[in-house]
N, C-alpha and C. Protein backbone atom coordinates (compact mmCIF):
# COMPACT_ATOMS: atom_id res chain seq x y z
N MET A 1 63.58 -17.80 51.92
CA MET A 1 64.87 -17.36 51.43
C MET A 1 65.29 -18.24 50.25
N ALA A 2 66.01 -17.68 49.32
CA ALA A 2 66.45 -18.41 48.13
C ALA A 2 67.30 -19.61 48.51
N ALA A 3 68.11 -19.49 49.56
CA ALA A 3 68.96 -20.61 49.97
C ALA A 3 68.11 -21.80 50.39
N ASP A 4 66.95 -21.56 51.01
CA ASP A 4 66.05 -22.64 51.38
C ASP A 4 65.55 -23.38 50.15
N LEU A 5 65.21 -22.65 49.11
CA LEU A 5 64.77 -23.26 47.87
C LEU A 5 65.90 -24.06 47.25
N ALA A 6 67.10 -23.51 47.26
CA ALA A 6 68.25 -24.21 46.72
C ALA A 6 68.50 -25.50 47.47
N LEU A 7 68.36 -25.49 48.79
CA LEU A 7 68.55 -26.70 49.58
C LEU A 7 67.55 -27.77 49.19
N THR A 8 66.34 -27.36 48.86
CA THR A 8 65.29 -28.31 48.49
C THR A 8 65.61 -29.05 47.20
N PHE A 9 66.20 -28.35 46.22
CA PHE A 9 66.39 -28.93 44.90
C PHE A 9 67.85 -29.21 44.52
N ALA A 10 68.80 -28.65 45.23
CA ALA A 10 70.20 -28.69 44.81
C ALA A 10 70.72 -30.10 44.59
N ASP A 11 70.37 -31.03 45.43
CA ASP A 11 70.90 -32.38 45.29
C ASP A 11 70.29 -33.15 44.13
N ARG A 12 69.22 -32.64 43.54
CA ARG A 12 68.57 -33.31 42.41
C ARG A 12 69.00 -32.75 41.05
N ILE A 13 69.73 -31.65 41.04
CA ILE A 13 70.16 -31.05 39.78
C ILE A 13 71.46 -31.70 39.33
N GLU A 14 71.42 -32.33 38.17
CA GLU A 14 72.58 -33.06 37.68
C GLU A 14 73.29 -32.35 36.54
N ARG A 15 72.83 -31.22 36.14
CA ARG A 15 73.42 -30.46 35.04
C ARG A 15 74.23 -29.29 35.58
N ASP A 16 75.04 -28.72 34.72
CA ASP A 16 75.78 -27.51 35.08
C ASP A 16 74.80 -26.37 35.30
N VAL A 17 75.06 -25.57 36.30
CA VAL A 17 74.20 -24.44 36.64
C VAL A 17 75.09 -23.23 36.90
N MET A 18 74.70 -22.10 36.35
CA MET A 18 75.40 -20.86 36.65
C MET A 18 74.40 -19.88 37.25
N LEU A 19 74.73 -19.40 38.44
CA LEU A 19 73.93 -18.37 39.08
C LEU A 19 74.53 -17.02 38.70
N VAL A 20 73.72 -16.16 38.13
CA VAL A 20 74.17 -14.82 37.75
C VAL A 20 73.31 -13.83 38.51
N MET A 21 73.97 -12.99 39.31
CA MET A 21 73.25 -12.01 40.12
C MET A 21 73.89 -10.64 39.97
N GLY A 22 73.09 -9.64 40.15
CA GLY A 22 73.59 -8.27 40.13
C GLY A 22 74.31 -7.93 41.43
N GLU A 23 75.29 -7.09 41.31
CA GLU A 23 76.10 -6.66 42.46
C GLU A 23 75.23 -6.13 43.61
N HIS A 24 74.16 -5.43 43.28
CA HIS A 24 73.33 -4.79 44.30
C HIS A 24 72.05 -5.57 44.61
N PHE A 25 71.93 -6.79 44.14
CA PHE A 25 70.77 -7.64 44.42
C PHE A 25 70.86 -8.11 45.87
N HIS A 26 69.75 -8.20 46.58
CA HIS A 26 69.78 -8.50 48.01
C HIS A 26 70.22 -9.93 48.34
N TYR A 27 70.22 -10.87 47.38
CA TYR A 27 70.70 -12.23 47.66
C TYR A 27 72.17 -12.43 47.27
N THR A 28 72.79 -11.46 46.64
CA THR A 28 74.18 -11.61 46.19
C THR A 28 75.14 -11.96 47.33
N PRO A 29 74.96 -11.45 48.55
CA PRO A 29 75.88 -11.87 49.61
C PRO A 29 75.87 -13.39 49.86
N PHE A 30 74.85 -14.08 49.40
CA PHE A 30 74.72 -15.52 49.62
C PHE A 30 75.09 -16.35 48.39
N ILE A 31 75.60 -15.72 47.33
CA ILE A 31 75.84 -16.43 46.08
C ILE A 31 76.85 -17.58 46.24
N ALA A 32 77.89 -17.38 47.01
CA ALA A 32 78.88 -18.45 47.22
C ALA A 32 78.25 -19.63 47.96
N GLU A 33 77.43 -19.33 48.94
CA GLU A 33 76.75 -20.37 49.71
C GLU A 33 75.79 -21.17 48.81
N MET A 34 75.03 -20.47 47.99
CA MET A 34 74.08 -21.15 47.10
C MET A 34 74.81 -21.95 46.03
N THR A 35 75.89 -21.41 45.50
CA THR A 35 76.66 -22.11 44.48
C THR A 35 77.26 -23.39 45.05
N ALA A 36 77.72 -23.34 46.28
CA ALA A 36 78.32 -24.51 46.91
C ALA A 36 77.33 -25.66 47.09
N LEU A 37 76.05 -25.35 47.12
CA LEU A 37 75.03 -26.39 47.27
C LEU A 37 74.84 -27.19 45.98
N LEU A 38 75.27 -26.65 44.88
CA LEU A 38 75.08 -27.30 43.58
C LEU A 38 76.29 -28.17 43.24
N ARG A 39 76.03 -29.37 42.77
CA ARG A 39 77.12 -30.27 42.40
C ARG A 39 77.98 -29.70 41.29
N HIS A 40 77.36 -29.08 40.32
CA HIS A 40 78.06 -28.55 39.15
C HIS A 40 77.76 -27.06 39.01
N GLY A 41 77.96 -26.32 40.08
CA GLY A 41 77.58 -24.92 40.09
C GLY A 41 78.74 -23.97 39.86
N SER A 42 78.41 -22.86 39.25
CA SER A 42 79.34 -21.74 39.12
C SER A 42 78.51 -20.48 39.30
N SER A 43 79.19 -19.36 39.47
CA SER A 43 78.44 -18.13 39.67
C SER A 43 79.19 -16.94 39.09
N ALA A 44 78.45 -15.88 38.89
CA ALA A 44 79.02 -14.62 38.41
C ALA A 44 78.20 -13.48 39.00
N VAL A 45 78.90 -12.40 39.29
CA VAL A 45 78.24 -11.19 39.79
C VAL A 45 78.43 -10.11 38.74
N VAL A 46 77.34 -9.50 38.34
CA VAL A 46 77.37 -8.44 37.32
C VAL A 46 77.58 -7.10 38.03
N PRO A 47 78.73 -6.46 37.79
CA PRO A 47 79.00 -5.17 38.43
C PRO A 47 77.91 -4.15 38.10
N GLY A 48 77.44 -3.48 39.13
CA GLY A 48 76.42 -2.45 38.95
C GLY A 48 75.01 -2.99 38.80
N GLY A 49 74.87 -4.30 38.66
CA GLY A 49 73.56 -4.91 38.44
C GLY A 49 72.68 -4.88 39.68
N ARG A 50 71.40 -4.80 39.45
CA ARG A 50 70.41 -4.82 40.52
C ARG A 50 69.46 -5.99 40.29
N PHE A 51 68.30 -5.94 40.90
CA PHE A 51 67.31 -7.01 40.79
C PHE A 51 66.89 -7.25 39.34
N CYS A 52 66.64 -6.20 38.59
CA CYS A 52 66.14 -6.33 37.22
C CYS A 52 67.26 -6.17 36.20
N MET A 53 68.38 -6.82 36.46
CA MET A 53 69.55 -6.63 35.59
C MET A 53 69.39 -7.29 34.23
N THR A 54 68.41 -8.18 34.08
CA THR A 54 68.26 -8.85 32.79
C THR A 54 67.97 -7.89 31.66
N TRP A 55 67.36 -6.76 31.95
CA TRP A 55 67.20 -5.76 30.90
C TRP A 55 68.07 -4.54 31.14
N GLY A 56 68.38 -4.22 32.38
CA GLY A 56 69.23 -3.07 32.66
C GLY A 56 70.70 -3.32 32.33
N GLU A 57 71.12 -4.57 32.42
CA GLU A 57 72.51 -4.95 32.15
C GLU A 57 72.52 -6.15 31.18
N ALA A 58 71.66 -6.12 30.19
CA ALA A 58 71.46 -7.25 29.30
C ALA A 58 72.74 -7.72 28.61
N ALA A 59 73.57 -6.82 28.17
CA ALA A 59 74.80 -7.21 27.48
C ALA A 59 75.74 -7.96 28.41
N LYS A 60 75.82 -7.53 29.67
CA LYS A 60 76.68 -8.22 30.64
C LYS A 60 76.13 -9.60 30.98
N VAL A 61 74.82 -9.70 31.13
CA VAL A 61 74.19 -10.99 31.42
C VAL A 61 74.40 -11.93 30.23
N ALA A 62 74.22 -11.42 29.02
CA ALA A 62 74.41 -12.23 27.81
C ALA A 62 75.84 -12.72 27.71
N ALA A 63 76.81 -11.88 28.04
CA ALA A 63 78.22 -12.29 27.99
C ALA A 63 78.48 -13.46 28.94
N HIS A 64 77.91 -13.40 30.15
CA HIS A 64 78.07 -14.50 31.10
C HIS A 64 77.39 -15.77 30.58
N ALA A 65 76.21 -15.62 30.02
CA ALA A 65 75.49 -16.78 29.49
C ALA A 65 76.24 -17.42 28.33
N LEU A 66 76.75 -16.62 27.42
CA LEU A 66 77.50 -17.16 26.29
C LEU A 66 78.78 -17.84 26.76
N ASP A 67 79.45 -17.26 27.72
CA ASP A 67 80.65 -17.88 28.27
C ASP A 67 80.30 -19.22 28.91
N PHE A 68 79.19 -19.27 29.62
CA PHE A 68 78.75 -20.49 30.30
C PHE A 68 78.48 -21.62 29.31
N ILE A 69 77.87 -21.30 28.18
CA ILE A 69 77.56 -22.35 27.20
C ILE A 69 78.68 -22.55 26.20
N GLY A 70 79.76 -21.78 26.36
CA GLY A 70 80.94 -21.99 25.52
C GLY A 70 80.89 -21.37 24.15
N GLN A 71 80.18 -20.28 24.01
CA GLN A 71 80.10 -19.59 22.73
C GLN A 71 80.69 -18.19 22.88
N ALA A 72 81.36 -17.75 21.85
CA ALA A 72 81.86 -16.39 21.83
C ALA A 72 80.72 -15.45 21.42
N PRO A 73 80.69 -14.24 21.98
CA PRO A 73 79.66 -13.28 21.55
C PRO A 73 79.78 -12.96 20.06
N ALA A 74 78.66 -12.72 19.43
CA ALA A 74 78.66 -12.38 18.00
C ALA A 74 79.29 -11.01 17.79
N ALA A 75 80.02 -10.88 16.72
CA ALA A 75 80.62 -9.58 16.39
C ALA A 75 79.54 -8.64 15.91
N ARG A 76 79.70 -7.37 16.21
CA ARG A 76 78.71 -6.38 15.78
C ARG A 76 79.22 -5.62 14.60
């Protein structure tokens, strides 16, 4: 389970981490639990997103990533 992996490494991660998961991804019910394991963790759920949301919901994922690193999205 992903939470087991997070338990293994969570205490060694010293940087900010953002978990981004799709609404319909099978680990999303555990996102709060996994985020809580991280010292500097935050999370976001992409509405309508599934397992392969990185290309199916790319604009939404990019918006979360840009917000996380403190950049505004580029104007089109």
